[in-house]
Amino acid sequence: MERVFVSVENVHFIINPMKKVLLFFFIVTSFSIRTTYVRGQEVDLRTAVAVVHSNHYESSIKFLKDFSNMFRKDGYKNAAKWLEKYTEGVMATGFVYQDSLTKQLFIVTNYNVVAFSEHVTVDFLGSDNKTMVKYEHCPVVAIHDKIDLAIIALPDSAQCSSLPIFQQEIKDGREVFTSSYLDLLGQPSFLFGKGIVSNFRFYSKSFADYKDIPLIQHTAQVDVGSAGSPLMIKSEEFEGGYAVVGVNTWKAWTRENTNLAIPAKYVVSLVNEYRNAKVELSDDQLLARANQFVNALDDYKKIVPFISYEYLSEVTPGDFKDWYNACPKDIKTIIKESEPLEGVRIALAYAIHIEALGKIVKVTDVDNDIVNMVYGNKSVTSQWVKEQGQLRVKRLSFFKPKTASKGFIIKDFASKGSVAFGVSNAIFSTSTSSLKSKLMYNLTLSVTLKTFVSFDFIFKYGSLPLTRVHHNFTTNTNDTMAFHVDNGFEYDFSVGFQLPVRVGLISFVPYVKPIVGINFKPEIPLLIYGVRSGLETGFPFNYRNYLLLGVGCQLCGFKDEERGKILKLNSLDVYLKMTF
């Protein structure tokens, strides 16, 4: 019954009516038995396709929560909620593949599903279509450096079916099927789709890493949660009736029934590579990997795969902000379009690249997980960890995120605006103590452009400390007389330069700014001109904004047209400033 074929092309004899009935009965029975046999062997896809729940690294969760708090304090509540939700991990799909040699069972899925996870939770839908069979702490054992693929090891006790992989190229119009899980009403819901191959060789410049890889474009249904699910063909030739031809990875949301899958032959290559090259923290492997890292320092893109997620435990959102602001515009765009943690790795990689630029870096020897190196003229170390089947950098002694910016000029200081409240008192005068004790109260609004240039709009009210210079023709000397004008108003405008510098957590902002203004004393308005200089000391209070204490000196003068004399208006300013 395994191979029953009925051909009528070469039948050249007459069949009586009774024989016709018997022959028809035989054909129908044979076909029924044949169909029943094949369907009886057809795999239940619910035992071969699973829900994959990612579990982020603890260091990654801490970083994301800190970032979420920063956004919340800055008023970006939706962004904060999105990051908080992101820390819970994602729900996606994977399918079971068995290594033909070792018979080990793996879950195949997209790398972006498990990118920030050391291990995942895998769920299979039970036979009652309600309960889930759960396997926890399944390790991510291998990832592809360029292609969006990852494999997860299942425990030896796992009870599930596996899907074979069809490595040959399929043609346009071939019927294909999808099997995945979507999040429906807060729980996984099995989804089976059917379609055709609409373009068996899709190439796009938008996918730089896939420029030489023909992706499979198809119309079978995929949805949110389908990432990593199998694209299958159906045939009696395959054990279980189905074979995987691709891994669903992208969906064109602006197009109808336009989905892309990575050819399944790359899954076989990844599994073979994992089997044949077991990665361990051995001296030989670590020495080779460290030399690869040193050779990658000339290109930040090459550095990214070497950075571990444990490295992020040393990174604060403030560090990331500084690195991001130091990046060129094209790299900023790449970071913004990446997943949050992947964007941090890219920014960190670029910062390391800039730090090592022009330096001679050499590997000397290995001591357990420590690689001794020469950085310029200094002896430095790098610490390594095995992560997702790869050896990655956990720490660099010549680049520590929390100290890398010491003495570093802040490229984009705080925010674009600030408000300050302060007082002014007379200096450099011979006025009496009673005059010196009278103050002016200041309100200043500032706008910062390009970090180093700022504009100030200053309003003052109170006692104006003045000194009048009068020439004594009798003695041929200049006499100076100090006095003040009560209830005076003054409006000033200044524009000048500042140099924000960070030392640890404290920022110092020295500045020099020419100033012009108008002073309304009781008699007539006076035009003021001069210069302001001083120093502001800043403390970050929510990663983005600063509270600053400023001390400045204002040296100004104006001509008293009424008396034909030059008056000096010098003061010491103390103020408290907050950026926004």
Protein backbone atom coordinates (compact mmCIF):
# COMPACT_ATOMS: atom_id res chain seq x y z
CA MET A 1 0.00 0.00 0.00
CA GLU A 2 3.01 2.26 0.36
CA ARG A 3 3.34 2.71 -3.39
CA VAL A 4 -0.02 2.12 -5.18
CA PHE A 5 -0.29 3.62 -8.64
CA VAL A 6 -3.06 2.99 -11.17
CA SER A 7 -2.39 3.78 -14.81
CA VAL A 8 -5.00 3.54 -17.55
CA GLU A 9 -2.80 4.60 -20.45
CA ASN A 10 -1.65 1.06 -21.27
CA VAL A 11 -4.87 -0.83 -20.49
CA HIS A 12 -6.15 -2.34 -23.76
CA PHE A 13 -8.78 -4.82 -22.68
CA ILE A 14 -12.54 -4.73 -22.30
CA ILE A 15 -13.89 -4.72 -18.74
CA ASN A 16 -17.42 -5.96 -18.18
CA PRO A 17 -19.77 -3.92 -15.96
CA MET A 18 -19.17 -6.07 -12.90
CA LYS A 19 -15.43 -5.82 -13.25
CA LYS A 20 -15.78 -2.06 -13.67
CA VAL A 21 -17.54 -1.87 -10.33
CA LEU A 22 -14.88 -4.02 -8.65
CA LEU A 23 -12.04 -2.02 -10.22
CA PHE A 24 -13.63 1.29 -9.17
CA PHE A 25 -14.03 -0.04 -5.62
CA PHE A 26 -10.37 -1.13 -5.60
CA ILE A 27 -9.14 2.25 -6.80
CA VAL A 28 -11.20 4.21 -4.28
CA THR A 29 -10.21 1.89 -1.44
CA SER A 30 -6.54 2.08 -2.36
CA PHE A 31 -6.64 5.86 -2.57
CA SER A 32 -8.45 6.07 0.77
CA ILE A 33 -5.90 3.78 2.40
CA ARG A 34 -3.05 5.75 0.82
CA THR A 35 -4.48 9.08 2.03
CA THR A 36 -5.17 7.75 5.50
CA TYR A 37 -1.63 6.46 5.74
CA VAL A 38 -0.03 9.78 4.78
CA ARG A 39 -2.26 11.85 7.03
CA GLY A 40 -1.65 9.46 9.86
CA GLN A 41 2.06 10.22 9.60
CA GLU A 42 1.61 13.99 9.23
CA VAL A 43 3.26 15.85 12.09
CA ASP A 44 1.17 17.87 14.51
CA LEU A 45 2.81 21.27 14.06
CA ARG A 46 1.90 22.24 17.62
CA THR A 47 4.54 19.76 18.81
CA ALA A 48 7.21 21.15 16.49
CA VAL A 49 6.53 24.90 16.62
CA ALA A 50 6.94 26.70 19.94
CA VAL A 51 6.46 30.01 21.70
CA VAL A 52 9.79 31.65 22.59
CA HIS A 53 9.92 34.06 25.56
CA SER A 54 13.15 36.03 25.80
CA ASN A 55 14.69 36.72 29.21
CA HIS A 56 16.96 39.75 29.18
CA TYR A 57 20.30 39.88 30.97
CA GLU A 58 20.07 41.40 34.45
CA SER A 59 22.53 44.12 33.40
CA SER A 60 20.36 44.93 30.38
CA ILE A 61 17.22 45.16 32.51
CA LYS A 62 18.93 47.50 34.96
CA PHE A 63 20.11 49.76 32.15
CA LEU A 64 16.66 49.87 30.53
CA LYS A 65 14.96 50.68 33.83
CA ASP A 66 17.44 53.51 34.47
CA PHE A 67 16.76 54.81 30.99
CA SER A 68 13.01 54.53 31.60
CA ASN A 69 13.34 56.56 34.80
CA MET A 70 15.27 59.22 32.90
CA PHE A 71 12.51 59.52 30.29
CA ARG A 72 9.82 59.60 32.98
CA LYS A 73 11.52 62.44 34.88
CA ASP A 74 11.88 64.34 31.61
CA GLY A 75 8.17 64.02 30.93
CA TYR A 76 8.35 61.35 28.20
CA LYS A 77 5.90 58.97 29.87
CA ASN A 78 5.03 56.97 26.76
CA ALA A 79 8.71 56.27 26.02
CA ALA A 80 9.22 55.32 29.68
CA LYS A 81 6.30 52.86 29.57
CA TRP A 82 7.58 51.36 26.32
CA LEU A 83 11.03 50.71 27.83
CA GLU A 84 9.48 49.22 30.97
CA LYS A 85 7.45 46.87 28.77
CA TYR A 86 10.56 46.05 26.78
CA THR A 87 12.34 44.82 29.94
CA GLU A 88 9.75 42.06 30.18
CA GLY A 89 11.13 40.51 27.00
CA VAL A 90 9.33 39.62 23.78
CA MET A 91 7.13 36.76 22.65
CA ALA A 92 8.00 35.20 19.32
CA THR A 93 8.08 31.84 17.56
CA GLY A 94 10.64 29.13 16.94
CA PHE A 95 10.65 25.61 15.52
CA VAL A 96 12.40 22.38 16.46
CA TYR A 97 15.32 21.13 14.38
CA GLN A 98 17.34 18.01 15.16
CA ASP A 99 21.04 17.74 14.35
CA SER A 100 21.38 14.79 11.99
CA LEU A 101 24.64 13.64 13.60
CA THR A 102 24.35 14.31 17.33
CA LYS A 103 20.53 14.02 17.41
CA GLN A 104 20.49 17.08 19.68
CA LEU A 105 17.27 19.12 19.57
CA PHE A 106 17.39 22.86 18.96
CA ILE A 107 14.89 25.67 18.70
CA VAL A 108 15.57 27.83 15.66
CA THR A 109 14.43 31.46 15.77
CA ASN A 110 15.55 34.97 14.80
CA TYR A 111 18.56 36.49 16.51
CA ASN A 112 16.63 39.69 17.24
CA VAL A 113 14.26 37.62 19.40
CA VAL A 114 17.05 36.46 21.76
CA ALA A 115 19.63 39.19 21.16
CA PHE A 116 19.65 40.34 24.79
CA SER A 117 19.04 36.97 26.43
CA GLU A 118 21.36 34.39 27.92
CA HIS A 119 18.52 31.88 28.13
CA VAL A 120 14.86 31.73 27.10
CA THR A 121 11.64 29.98 28.02
CA VAL A 122 10.12 27.68 25.38
CA ASP A 123 6.42 26.71 25.43
CA PHE A 124 4.66 24.05 23.35
CA LEU A 125 0.88 23.98 23.08
CA GLY A 126 -0.54 20.86 24.72
CA SER A 127 -2.74 18.30 23.00
CA ASP A 128 -5.83 19.83 24.62
CA ASN A 129 -5.05 23.12 22.84
CA LYS A 130 -5.23 24.91 26.21
CA THR A 131 -2.28 24.02 28.42
CA MET A 132 1.34 24.80 27.60
CA VAL A 133 4.30 22.46 28.05
CA LYS A 134 7.05 24.71 29.38
CA TYR A 135 10.86 24.37 29.22
CA GLU A 136 12.68 27.07 31.17
CA HIS A 137 16.30 28.28 31.14
CA CYS A 138 17.00 27.00 27.64
CA PRO A 139 20.41 28.47 26.71
CA VAL A 140 21.08 30.48 23.57
CA VAL A 141 24.04 28.45 22.27
CA ALA A 142 24.84 30.04 18.91
CA ILE A 143 24.03 33.10 16.84
CA HIS A 144 24.92 34.14 13.33
CA ASP A 145 27.18 37.19 13.13
CA LYS A 146 25.39 38.71 10.14
CA ILE A 147 22.20 36.78 9.44
CA ASP A 148 19.23 37.11 11.79
CA LEU A 149 19.40 33.55 13.09
CA ALA A 150 19.95 31.93 16.49
CA ILE A 151 19.69 28.43 17.93
CA ILE A 152 18.57 27.46 21.42
CA ALA A 153 19.38 24.13 23.05
CA LEU A 154 16.43 22.11 24.32
CA PRO A 155 16.88 19.77 27.31
CA ASP A 156 17.40 16.06 26.64
CA SER A 157 14.05 15.40 28.32
CA ALA A 158 12.11 17.51 25.80
CA GLN A 159 9.16 15.68 24.24
CA CYS A 160 8.53 17.27 20.85
CA SER A 161 8.65 16.68 17.10
CA SER A 162 11.26 18.09 14.78
CA LEU A 163 10.92 19.50 11.27
CA PRO A 164 13.30 18.54 8.44
CA ILE A 165 14.95 21.26 6.39
CA PHE A 166 14.72 21.47 2.60
CA GLN A 167 17.90 23.18 1.37
CA GLN A 168 17.17 23.33 -2.34
CA GLU A 169 15.89 26.47 -3.99
CA ILE A 170 12.13 26.68 -4.50
CA LYS A 171 10.47 28.45 -7.42
CA ASP A 172 7.87 31.18 -7.80
CA GLY A 173 4.29 29.99 -7.39
CA ARG A 174 5.17 27.11 -5.04
CA GLU A 175 2.59 26.63 -2.33
CA VAL A 176 4.00 27.39 1.13
CA PHE A 177 2.71 27.31 4.70
CA THR A 178 3.45 29.14 7.94
CA SER A 179 2.96 28.06 11.53
CA SER A 180 3.43 30.51 14.39
CA TYR A 181 1.96 32.04 17.52
CA LEU A 182 0.49 35.49 17.96
CA ASP A 183 -0.40 37.33 21.13
CA LEU A 184 -4.20 37.29 21.20
CA LEU A 185 -6.03 38.67 24.24
CA GLY A 186 -2.92 38.29 26.36
CA GLN A 187 -2.16 34.68 25.50
CA PRO A 188 -0.43 32.79 22.66
CA SER A 189 -2.74 31.71 19.86
CA PHE A 190 -1.70 29.17 17.24
CA LEU A 191 -1.73 30.52 13.68
CA PHE A 192 -1.55 28.45 10.49
CA GLY A 193 -1.17 30.26 7.17
CA LYS A 194 -1.09 29.35 3.50
CA GLY A 195 0.20 31.19 0.46
CA ILE A 196 2.64 31.04 -2.44
CA VAL A 197 6.20 32.07 -3.17
CA SER A 198 5.84 35.41 -4.95
CA ASN A 199 9.59 36.02 -5.46
CA PHE A 200 12.06 33.25 -4.72
CA ARG A 201 15.06 35.58 -5.09
CA PHE A 202 14.46 38.90 -3.37
CA TYR A 203 17.42 41.29 -3.06
CA SER A 204 17.38 44.77 -1.51
CA LYS A 205 19.99 47.44 -0.85
CA SER A 206 18.13 48.17 2.40
CA PHE A 207 19.43 44.86 3.79
CA ALA A 208 23.18 45.47 3.72
CA ASP A 209 24.04 42.13 5.34
CA TYR A 210 21.85 40.25 2.87
CA LYS A 211 23.07 41.78 -0.38
CA ASP A 212 24.33 38.36 -1.55
CA ILE A 213 21.58 36.30 0.08
CA PRO A 214 18.37 35.71 -1.91
CA LEU A 215 15.50 36.10 0.55
CA ILE A 216 12.20 34.32 -0.05
CA GLN A 217 9.23 36.63 -0.62
CA HIS A 218 5.88 34.95 0.02
CA THR A 219 2.20 35.59 0.75
CA ALA A 220 1.53 33.10 3.58
CA GLN A 221 0.10 34.72 6.70
CA VAL A 222 2.43 36.07 9.40
CA ASP A 223 1.65 38.45 12.24
CA VAL A 224 3.14 40.03 15.34
CA GLY A 225 4.81 37.14 17.16
CA SER A 226 5.66 35.25 13.95
CA ALA A 227 9.33 36.24 13.99
CA GLY A 228 11.43 33.08 13.82
CA SER A 229 8.57 30.90 12.61
CA PRO A 230 9.05 28.30 9.85
CA LEU A 231 8.11 28.79 6.21
CA MET A 232 7.26 25.29 4.98
CA ILE A 233 6.41 23.27 1.91
CA LYS A 234 4.24 20.17 2.04
CA SER A 235 5.07 16.88 0.40
CA GLU A 236 4.67 13.17 1.04
CA GLU A 237 8.41 12.81 0.50
CA PHE A 238 9.13 14.38 3.89
CA GLU A 239 8.78 12.63 7.20
CA GLY A 240 5.82 14.30 8.85
CA GLY A 241 4.61 15.81 5.60
CA TYR A 242 6.31 19.22 5.99
CA ALA A 243 9.82 20.58 5.46
CA VAL A 244 11.18 24.02 6.36
CA VAL A 245 12.42 26.16 3.47
CA GLY A 246 12.83 29.46 5.31
CA VAL A 247 12.71 31.35 8.60
CA ASN A 248 10.13 34.16 8.64
CA THR A 249 11.85 37.41 9.60
CA TRP A 250 10.21 40.48 8.04
CA LYS A 251 6.75 41.68 7.12
CA ALA A 252 6.05 44.70 4.91
CA TRP A 253 3.26 46.34 6.93
CA THR A 254 2.53 48.87 4.18
CA ARG A 255 2.04 46.10 1.61
CA GLU A 256 -0.53 43.33 1.49
CA ASN A 257 0.76 39.75 1.86
CA THR A 258 4.42 40.70 1.44
CA ASN A 259 6.66 38.75 3.79
CA LEU A 260 10.32 37.77 3.72
CA ALA A 261 12.08 34.65 4.98
CA ILE A 262 15.75 33.68 5.30
CA PRO A 263 16.55 30.49 3.32
CA ALA A 264 16.65 27.49 5.66
CA LYS A 265 20.02 26.22 4.40
CA TYR A 266 21.69 28.82 6.64
CA VAL A 267 20.15 27.12 9.68
CA VAL A 268 21.96 23.90 8.75
CA SER A 269 25.22 25.83 8.35
CA LEU A 270 24.81 27.44 11.78
CA VAL A 271 24.09 24.12 13.50
CA ASN A 272 27.06 22.48 11.78
CA GLU A 273 29.32 25.34 12.78
CA TYR A 274 28.17 25.08 16.39
CA ARG A 275 28.76 21.31 16.42
CA ASN A 276 32.20 21.45 14.82
CA ALA A 277 33.60 24.42 16.71
CA LYS A 278 32.71 24.28 20.38
CA VAL A 279 33.52 27.68 21.90
CA GLU A 280 35.27 27.61 25.28
CA LEU A 281 37.24 30.06 27.39
CA SER A 282 40.46 28.21 26.61
CA ASP A 283 43.80 29.97 26.23
CA ASP A 284 44.09 29.20 22.52
CA GLN A 285 40.56 30.27 21.61
CA LEU A 286 40.71 33.39 23.78
CA LEU A 287 44.09 34.41 22.35
CA ALA A 288 42.76 34.06 18.80
CA ARG A 289 39.56 35.96 19.65
CA ALA A 290 41.47 38.78 21.36
CA ASN A 291 43.66 39.25 18.29
CA GLN A 292 40.53 39.43 16.16
CA PHE A 293 39.23 42.14 18.48
CA VAL A 294 42.44 44.17 18.20
CA ASN A 295 42.27 43.96 14.39
CA ALA A 296 38.65 45.18 14.54
CA LEU A 297 39.46 48.42 16.39
CA ASP A 298 39.79 50.34 13.13
CA ASP A 299 36.05 49.99 12.40
CA TYR A 300 33.28 50.40 14.99
CA LYS A 301 30.99 48.02 13.06
CA LYS A 302 33.54 45.23 13.50
CA ILE A 303 33.76 45.98 17.24
CA VAL A 304 30.03 45.55 17.96
CA PRO A 305 29.96 41.70 17.87
CA PHE A 306 32.75 41.63 20.48
CA ILE A 307 30.83 43.66 23.09
CA SER A 308 29.05 41.55 25.69
CA TYR A 309 25.76 42.49 27.28
CA GLU A 310 27.45 42.14 30.66
CA TYR A 311 29.58 45.14 29.63
CA LEU A 312 26.40 47.21 29.77
CA SER A 313 26.29 46.78 33.55
CA GLU A 314 28.97 49.49 33.72
CA VAL A 315 27.07 51.85 31.44
CA THR A 316 24.69 54.56 32.65
CA PRO A 317 22.18 56.42 30.47
CA GLY A 318 24.37 59.48 30.98
CA ASP A 319 27.34 57.63 29.45
CA PHE A 320 25.22 56.59 26.50
CA LYS A 321 23.99 60.15 26.02
CA ASP A 322 27.56 61.46 25.86
CA TRP A 323 28.62 58.78 23.38
CA TYR A 324 25.55 59.33 21.24
CA ASN A 325 26.13 63.08 21.07
CA ALA A 326 29.74 62.47 20.02
CA CYS A 327 28.66 60.27 17.09
CA PRO A 328 28.43 61.58 13.50
CA LYS A 329 24.98 62.09 12.08
CA ASP A 330 24.93 58.84 10.05
CA ILE A 331 25.83 56.74 13.10
CA LYS A 332 23.19 58.54 15.18
CA THR A 333 20.63 57.48 12.57
CA ILE A 334 21.76 53.85 12.81
CA ILE A 335 21.51 53.96 16.61
CA LYS A 336 18.02 55.46 16.54
CA GLU A 337 16.80 52.78 14.13
CA SER A 338 18.22 49.93 16.25
CA GLU A 339 16.75 48.07 19.20
CA PRO A 340 17.47 50.00 22.45
CA LEU A 341 20.25 47.77 23.78
CA GLU A 342 21.75 47.20 20.34
CA GLY A 343 21.92 50.97 19.95
CA VAL A 344 23.88 51.16 23.21
CA ARG A 345 26.34 48.54 21.93
CA ILE A 346 26.82 50.53 18.73
CA ALA A 347 27.44 53.77 20.65
CA LEU A 348 29.88 51.98 22.98
CA ALA A 349 31.68 50.41 20.02
CA TYR A 350 32.09 53.81 18.37
CA ALA A 351 33.41 55.32 21.62
CA ILE A 352 35.98 52.51 21.94
CA HIS A 353 36.94 52.99 18.30
CA ILE A 354 37.57 56.71 18.84
CA GLU A 355 39.47 56.03 22.08
CA ALA A 356 41.79 53.53 20.32
CA LEU A 357 42.20 55.57 17.15
CA GLY A 358 45.88 56.04 16.36
CA LYS A 359 46.97 53.82 19.25
CA ILE A 360 49.07 50.69 18.83
CA VAL A 361 47.30 47.81 20.56
CA LYS A 362 48.86 44.36 20.91
CA VAL A 363 47.92 41.14 22.68
CA THR A 364 50.65 39.66 24.88
CA ASP A 365 49.26 36.65 26.77
CA VAL A 366 46.21 35.08 28.44
CA ASP A 367 45.52 34.36 32.10
CA ASN A 368 42.19 32.51 32.56
CA ASP A 369 39.55 34.99 31.33
CA ILE A 370 41.99 37.95 31.32
CA VAL A 371 43.90 38.98 28.20
CA ASN A 372 46.99 41.08 28.84
CA MET A 373 47.59 43.74 26.23
CA VAL A 374 49.79 46.70 25.38
CA TYR A 375 47.90 49.92 24.69
CA GLY A 376 50.26 52.59 23.40
CA ASN A 377 53.02 52.53 26.01
CA LYS A 378 50.83 51.14 28.79
CA SER A 379 50.10 47.62 29.99
CA VAL A 380 46.33 47.05 30.02
CA THR A 381 43.92 44.16 30.38
CA SER A 382 40.65 42.97 28.90
CA GLN A 383 38.25 40.58 30.59
CA TRP A 384 36.21 38.14 28.52
CA VAL A 385 33.07 36.05 28.94
CA LYS A 386 31.36 33.30 26.98
CA GLU A 387 27.99 34.63 25.83
CA GLN A 388 25.51 33.23 23.29
CA GLY A 389 28.10 30.79 22.00
CA GLN A 390 30.73 33.48 21.45
CA LEU A 391 33.66 34.97 23.36
CA ARG A 392 32.99 38.65 24.07
CA VAL A 393 34.62 41.51 25.94
CA LYS A 394 33.28 42.09 29.43
CA ARG A 395 35.64 44.86 30.51
CA LEU A 396 38.48 46.99 29.12
CA SER A 397 40.88 48.59 31.57
CA PHE A 398 41.70 51.38 29.10
CA PHE A 399 38.03 52.23 28.55
CA LYS A 400 35.77 52.24 31.59
CA PRO A 401 32.39 53.83 30.82
CA LYS A 402 31.94 55.53 34.20
CA THR A 403 35.37 57.17 34.06
CA ALA A 404 35.91 57.49 30.32
CA SER A 405 34.56 61.03 30.31
CA LYS A 406 36.74 62.47 33.09
CA GLY A 407 38.12 65.80 31.94
CA PHE A 408 36.11 65.37 28.78
CA ILE A 409 34.51 68.33 27.05
CA ILE A 410 30.75 67.84 27.03
CA LYS A 411 29.72 67.88 23.39
CA ASP A 412 26.07 68.71 23.99
CA PHE A 413 25.77 70.24 27.42
CA ALA A 414 22.49 69.55 29.20
CA SER A 415 19.50 70.97 27.33
CA LYS A 416 18.93 73.94 25.06
CA GLY A 417 17.39 76.25 27.65
CA SER A 418 17.82 77.31 31.27
CA VAL A 419 16.48 79.71 33.88
CA ALA A 420 18.50 81.33 36.69
CA PHE A 421 17.71 83.35 39.81
CA GLY A 422 20.40 85.40 41.59
CA VAL A 423 21.60 88.53 43.32
CA SER A 424 24.23 91.17 42.47
CA ASN A 425 26.30 93.44 44.68
CA ALA A 426 28.77 96.19 43.95
CA ILE A 427 32.50 95.48 43.73
CA PHE A 428 35.65 97.47 42.99
CA SER A 429 34.20 100.64 44.51
CA THR A 430 34.92 102.96 47.44
CA SER A 431 31.29 103.02 48.48
CA THR A 432 30.26 102.79 52.09
CA SER A 433 29.23 99.56 53.76
CA SER A 434 25.60 100.62 53.61
CA LEU A 435 25.83 100.91 49.84
CA LYS A 436 27.48 97.53 49.49
CA SER A 437 24.75 95.81 51.43
CA LYS A 438 22.07 96.80 48.94
CA LEU A 439 21.38 94.18 46.30
CA MET A 440 19.94 93.74 42.84
CA TYR A 441 17.78 90.72 42.09
CA ASN A 442 18.26 88.95 38.75
CA LEU A 443 16.18 86.70 36.52
CA THR A 444 18.02 85.20 33.53
CA LEU A 445 16.72 83.16 30.61
CA SER A 446 19.40 81.44 28.52
CA VAL A 447 19.53 79.56 25.23
CA THR A 448 22.48 77.33 24.30
CA LEU A 449 23.52 76.77 20.70
CA LYS A 450 26.14 74.24 19.54
CA THR A 451 27.30 73.60 23.13
CA PHE A 452 29.82 76.44 23.21
CA VAL A 453 27.65 79.49 22.42
CA SER A 454 24.89 80.82 24.67
CA PHE A 455 22.51 83.79 24.68
CA ASP A 456 21.34 85.41 27.93
CA PHE A 457 18.33 87.67 28.51
CA ILE A 458 18.71 89.30 31.94
CA PHE A 459 16.24 91.32 33.98
CA LYS A 460 17.48 93.13 37.13
CA TYR A 461 15.68 95.06 39.80
CA GLY A 462 16.91 96.76 42.95
CA SER A 463 19.74 99.02 44.02
CA LEU A 464 22.11 99.97 41.21
CA PRO A 465 25.70 100.22 42.51
CA LEU A 466 27.43 103.00 40.56
CA THR A 467 30.79 104.74 40.69
CA ARG A 468 31.25 108.16 39.11
CA VAL A 469 34.66 109.25 37.85
CA HIS A 470 35.09 113.05 38.06
CA HIS A 471 38.18 114.98 36.92
CA ASN A 472 39.44 117.51 39.45
CA PHE A 473 41.00 120.35 37.46
CA THR A 474 42.46 121.93 40.59
CA THR A 475 44.55 118.89 41.44
CA ASN A 476 44.51 117.46 37.88
CA THR A 477 43.38 114.07 39.18
CA ASN A 478 40.38 111.79 38.72
CA ASP A 479 38.14 111.52 41.75
CA THR A 480 35.89 108.46 42.17
CA MET A 481 32.65 108.69 44.02
CA ALA A 482 30.41 105.70 44.84
CA PHE A 483 26.62 105.91 45.14
CA HIS A 484 23.52 103.89 44.36
CA VAL A 485 20.14 104.42 42.76
CA ASP A 486 17.24 102.63 44.46
CA ASN A 487 14.34 100.96 42.67
CA GLY A 488 16.20 100.74 39.39
CA PHE A 489 15.41 98.48 36.44
CA GLU A 490 17.90 97.01 34.03
CA TYR A 491 17.53 94.86 30.92
CA ASP A 492 20.67 93.19 29.56
CA PHE A 493 21.51 90.97 26.63
CA SER A 494 24.72 88.99 26.35
CA VAL A 495 26.12 86.48 23.91
CA GLY A 496 29.38 84.67 24.36
CA PHE A 497 31.32 81.48 24.77
CA GLN A 498 31.31 78.70 27.34
CA LEU A 499 33.37 75.52 27.74
CA PRO A 500 31.46 72.74 29.54
CA VAL A 501 33.84 70.19 31.10
CA ARG A 502 32.93 67.16 33.18
CA VAL A 503 35.08 65.83 36.03
CA GLY A 504 33.42 62.71 37.40
CA LEU A 505 29.77 63.55 38.00
CA ILE A 506 30.40 67.30 38.34
CA SER A 507 30.37 69.67 35.37
CA PHE A 508 32.25 72.96 35.24
CA VAL A 509 31.24 75.68 32.78
CA PRO A 510 33.57 78.70 32.55
CA TYR A 511 32.24 81.50 30.35
CA VAL A 512 33.05 84.93 28.92
CA LYS A 513 30.28 87.04 27.40
CA PRO A 514 30.13 90.63 26.10
CA ILE A 515 27.04 92.43 27.39
CA VAL A 516 24.86 95.36 26.34
CA GLY A 517 21.80 96.67 28.12
CA ILE A 518 19.70 99.57 29.18
CA ASN A 519 19.37 100.90 32.72
CA PHE A 520 16.27 102.81 33.77
CA LYS A 521 17.25 105.10 36.60
CA PRO A 522 14.68 107.63 37.79
CA GLU A 523 15.90 110.44 35.50
CA ILE A 524 16.81 109.01 32.08
CA PRO A 525 17.62 105.56 30.54
CA LEU A 526 21.33 104.75 30.29
CA LEU A 527 22.99 102.49 27.70
CA ILE A 528 25.26 99.90 29.32
CA TYR A 529 28.18 97.99 27.80
CA GLY A 530 30.82 95.66 29.19
CA VAL A 531 31.68 92.03 29.79
CA ARG A 532 30.55 89.18 32.05
CA SER A 533 32.69 86.24 33.08
CA GLY A 534 32.41 83.52 35.66
CA LEU A 535 32.14 79.83 36.45
CA GLU A 536 29.13 77.54 36.81
CA THR A 537 29.28 74.23 38.68
CA GLY A 538 26.65 71.70 37.65
CA PHE A 539 25.19 68.56 39.16
CA PRO A 540 22.96 66.24 37.07
CA PHE A 541 19.63 65.49 38.70
CA ASN A 542 17.90 63.27 36.12
CA TYR A 543 20.57 62.26 33.55
CA ARG A 544 19.36 64.95 31.20
CA ASN A 545 19.13 68.20 33.16
CA TYR A 546 21.45 70.01 35.55
CA LEU A 547 21.29 72.19 38.62
CA LEU A 548 24.11 74.76 38.54
CA LEU A 549 25.58 77.20 41.04
CA GLY A 550 27.13 80.18 39.30
CA VAL A 551 29.48 82.94 40.40
CA GLY A 552 30.26 85.74 37.97
CA CYS A 553 31.75 89.18 37.67
CA GLN A 554 30.23 91.93 35.57
CA LEU A 555 32.42 94.83 34.48
CA CYS A 556 30.34 97.52 32.81
CA GLY A 557 30.23 101.22 32.22
CA PHE A 558 28.10 103.87 30.58
CA LYS A 559 28.25 107.58 29.87
CA ASP A 560 26.11 109.92 31.95
CA GLU A 561 25.04 112.32 29.20
CA GLU A 562 23.48 114.60 31.77
CA ARG A 563 26.83 115.27 33.44
CA GLY A 564 29.15 114.30 30.62
CA LYS A 565 30.94 111.74 32.77
CA ILE A 566 31.71 108.03 32.53
CA LEU A 567 30.07 105.86 35.20
CA LYS A 568 31.14 102.35 36.21
CA LEU A 569 28.67 99.59 37.06
CA ASN A 570 30.68 96.64 38.42
CA SER A 571 29.07 93.83 40.36
CA LEU A 572 29.54 90.34 41.73
CA ASP A 573 26.78 87.92 40.69
CA VAL A 574 25.71 84.77 42.54
CA TYR A 575 22.89 82.68 41.09
CA LEU A 576 21.22 79.28 40.95
CA LYS A 577 20.49 77.90 37.48
CA MET A 578 18.40 74.99 36.22
CA THR A 579 18.44 73.62 32.69
CA PHE A 580 15.36 72.30 30.91
